[in-house]
Protein backbone atom coordinates (compact mmCIF):
# COMPACT_ATOMS: atom_id res chain seq x y z
CA MET A 1 -3.22 -14.80 -16.86
CA SER A 2 -0.20 -12.83 -15.72
CA ASP A 3 0.67 -12.29 -12.07
CA LYS A 4 2.01 -8.83 -12.93
CA PRO A 5 -0.28 -5.93 -12.01
CA LEU A 6 -1.58 -3.38 -14.47
CA GLU A 7 1.22 -0.93 -15.17
CA TYR A 8 0.74 2.67 -16.32
CA ARG A 9 3.88 4.44 -17.59
CA PHE A 10 4.16 8.21 -17.90
CA ARG A 11 6.88 10.80 -18.17
CA VAL A 12 7.43 13.47 -15.51
CA ARG A 13 6.82 16.91 -17.02
CA TYR A 14 8.84 20.00 -16.18
CA ALA A 15 5.83 21.81 -14.67
CA GLU A 16 5.33 18.96 -12.16
CA CYS A 17 8.65 19.70 -10.45
CA ASP A 18 9.28 22.13 -7.61
CA ALA A 19 12.12 24.48 -6.68
CA GLN A 20 14.14 21.48 -5.46
CA GLN A 21 13.89 20.04 -9.00
CA VAL A 22 11.94 16.97 -7.93
CA VAL A 23 8.29 16.07 -8.43
CA PHE A 24 6.22 18.24 -6.09
CA ASN A 25 4.54 16.05 -3.47
CA ALA A 26 0.98 17.13 -4.34
CA ARG A 27 1.45 15.92 -7.92
CA TYR A 28 1.40 12.32 -6.72
CA ALA A 29 -2.35 12.59 -6.08
CA ASP A 30 -2.70 13.44 -9.78
CA TYR A 31 -0.49 10.47 -10.66
CA VAL A 32 -2.71 8.22 -8.52
CA ASP A 33 -5.83 9.51 -10.27
CA ILE A 34 -4.56 8.99 -13.82
CA THR A 35 -3.23 5.54 -12.93
CA ILE A 36 -6.56 4.53 -11.38
CA ASN A 37 -8.38 5.76 -14.50
CA GLU A 38 -6.36 3.20 -16.48
CA TYR A 39 -7.41 0.56 -13.95
CA ILE A 40 -11.09 1.57 -14.35
CA ARG A 41 -10.65 1.36 -18.14
CA ALA A 42 -9.29 -2.20 -17.73
CA LEU A 43 -12.18 -3.10 -15.42
CA PHE A 44 -15.08 -1.53 -17.33
CA GLY A 45 -13.73 -0.73 -20.79
CA HIS A 46 -14.65 2.94 -20.28
CA TYR A 47 -15.53 5.04 -17.24
CA GLN A 48 -18.99 5.69 -18.73
CA ASN A 49 -19.70 1.94 -18.66
CA MET A 50 -19.34 2.04 -14.87
CA LEU A 51 -21.75 4.98 -14.67
CA ASP A 52 -24.18 3.20 -16.99
CA ARG A 53 -24.34 0.41 -14.39
CA GLY A 54 -25.42 3.01 -11.84
CA LEU A 55 -22.04 2.83 -10.08
CA ASP A 56 -19.39 5.35 -9.22
CA MET A 57 -16.62 5.51 -6.63
CA GLN A 58 -15.28 8.13 -4.26
CA VAL A 59 -11.95 8.44 -2.50
CA VAL A 60 -12.32 8.40 1.28
CA SER A 61 -8.66 7.99 2.23
CA MET A 62 -5.28 8.31 0.53
CA THR A 63 -1.92 7.62 2.12
CA LEU A 64 1.30 8.38 0.28
CA ASN A 65 4.79 7.31 1.29
CA TRP A 66 7.90 8.33 -0.62
CA SER A 67 11.10 6.31 -1.05
CA ALA A 68 13.09 8.38 -3.53
CA PRO A 69 12.71 11.55 -5.57
CA ALA A 70 11.51 11.59 -9.16
CA ARG A 71 12.81 14.25 -11.53
CA PHE A 72 11.90 15.95 -14.79
CA ASP A 73 11.83 13.54 -17.74
CA ASP A 74 11.93 10.39 -15.57
CA VAL A 75 9.58 7.65 -16.72
CA LEU A 76 7.48 6.40 -13.82
CA CYS A 77 5.33 3.29 -13.65
CA GLY A 78 2.23 3.11 -11.50
CA ARG A 79 1.43 -0.52 -10.67
CA VAL A 80 -2.07 -1.19 -9.35
CA THR A 81 -3.01 -4.04 -7.03
CA VAL A 82 -6.14 -4.67 -5.00
CA LYS A 83 -5.18 -4.66 -1.34
CA HIS A 84 -8.64 -5.19 0.19
CA LEU A 85 -12.24 -5.77 -0.92
CA GLY A 86 -14.89 -4.91 1.63
CA ASN A 87 -18.69 -4.74 1.34
CA THR A 88 -18.94 -1.20 -0.05
CA SER A 89 -15.29 -0.17 -0.01
CA PHE A 90 -12.04 -1.37 -1.50
CA THR A 91 -8.39 -0.42 -1.19
CA LEU A 92 -6.00 -0.14 -4.10
CA ALA A 93 -2.23 0.03 -3.74
CA ILE A 94 -0.29 1.93 -6.37
CA ASP A 95 3.45 1.37 -6.39
CA PHE A 96 5.36 4.01 -8.34
CA VAL A 97 8.75 2.90 -9.62
CA ARG A 98 11.23 4.46 -12.03
CA TYR A 99 11.44 2.81 -15.46
CA PRO A 100 13.39 0.81 -16.47
CA ASP A 101 15.42 0.20 -13.26
CA ASP A 102 12.37 -0.38 -11.00
CA GLU A 103 13.71 1.90 -8.25
CA PRO A 104 10.85 2.44 -5.76
CA ILE A 105 9.69 6.06 -5.75
CA ALA A 106 6.41 6.13 -3.81
CA ARG A 107 3.45 4.04 -2.71
CA ALA A 108 -0.14 5.14 -2.41
CA ASP A 109 -2.87 3.25 -0.58
CA VAL A 110 -6.27 4.55 -1.61
CA VAL A 111 -9.61 3.58 -0.08
CA TYR A 112 -12.64 4.00 -2.32
CA VAL A 113 -16.33 3.62 -1.54
CA VAL A 114 -18.69 2.38 -4.23
CA VAL A 115 -21.67 4.71 -4.54
CA ASP A 116 -24.87 5.02 -6.53
CA ALA A 117 -24.03 7.18 -9.55
CA GLU A 118 -27.10 9.38 -9.03
CA THR A 119 -27.65 9.60 -5.27
CA LEU A 120 -23.99 9.12 -4.22
CA GLY A 121 -25.20 6.82 -1.43
CA LYS A 122 -23.05 3.79 -0.59
CA LYS A 123 -23.68 0.62 -2.59
CA PRO A 124 -22.31 -2.90 -2.12
CA ILE A 125 -19.69 -3.98 -4.62
CA PRO A 126 -21.62 -6.15 -7.12
CA ASP A 127 -20.68 -9.83 -6.91
CA ASP A 128 -19.86 -10.03 -10.62
CA LEU A 129 -17.21 -7.30 -10.17
CA ARG A 130 -15.36 -8.77 -7.19
CA ASP A 131 -13.23 -11.30 -9.09
CA ARG A 132 -12.74 -8.95 -12.03
CA MET A 133 -11.49 -6.21 -9.70
CA VAL A 134 -8.64 -8.43 -8.54
CA THR A 135 -7.64 -9.50 -12.07
CA ALA A 136 -8.42 -6.33 -14.07
CA GLY A 137 -5.54 -5.35 -16.30
CA ARG A 138 -3.10 -7.98 -15.04
CA GLY A 139 -0.14 -8.15 -17.36
CA THR A 140 -1.24 -4.98 -19.20
CA VAL A 141 1.19 -2.12 -19.79
CA VAL A 142 -0.30 1.21 -20.82
CA SER A 143 2.38 3.68 -21.78
CA HIS A 144 2.04 7.40 -22.34
CA ALA A 145 5.78 7.88 -21.87
CA GLY A 146 6.90 7.50 -25.46
CA GLU A 147 9.81 5.32 -24.43
């Protein structure tokens, strides 16, 4: 198994940029969400499979730090790693870098809580998921960038 984290590549669209001609800061939350959806797909095969297990997850904290600007038509890579596994919560780190030069653009640390899909009450992370969460998608590159 690869040591490389799951990587999601996408191209910055014109509408995602602001008057300064760089990606508008609020767009990074969208980038986090679409990258994490690829992680969930690697973990469960499909988001619905997670719901069918009676599980869902909610964001309780997101921290974003920027290193460099991204611009229209740049290809960015979101690389997902598990930073922490708690009882009912877990933290994912998403490192955004420019492709292909790997220049760091931003990093997001996102804390999720596992919840019951119907009641939305907290649930412990099932034991059979713990190891899979750490290894899900390792070595996988999903590209929507058309590079």
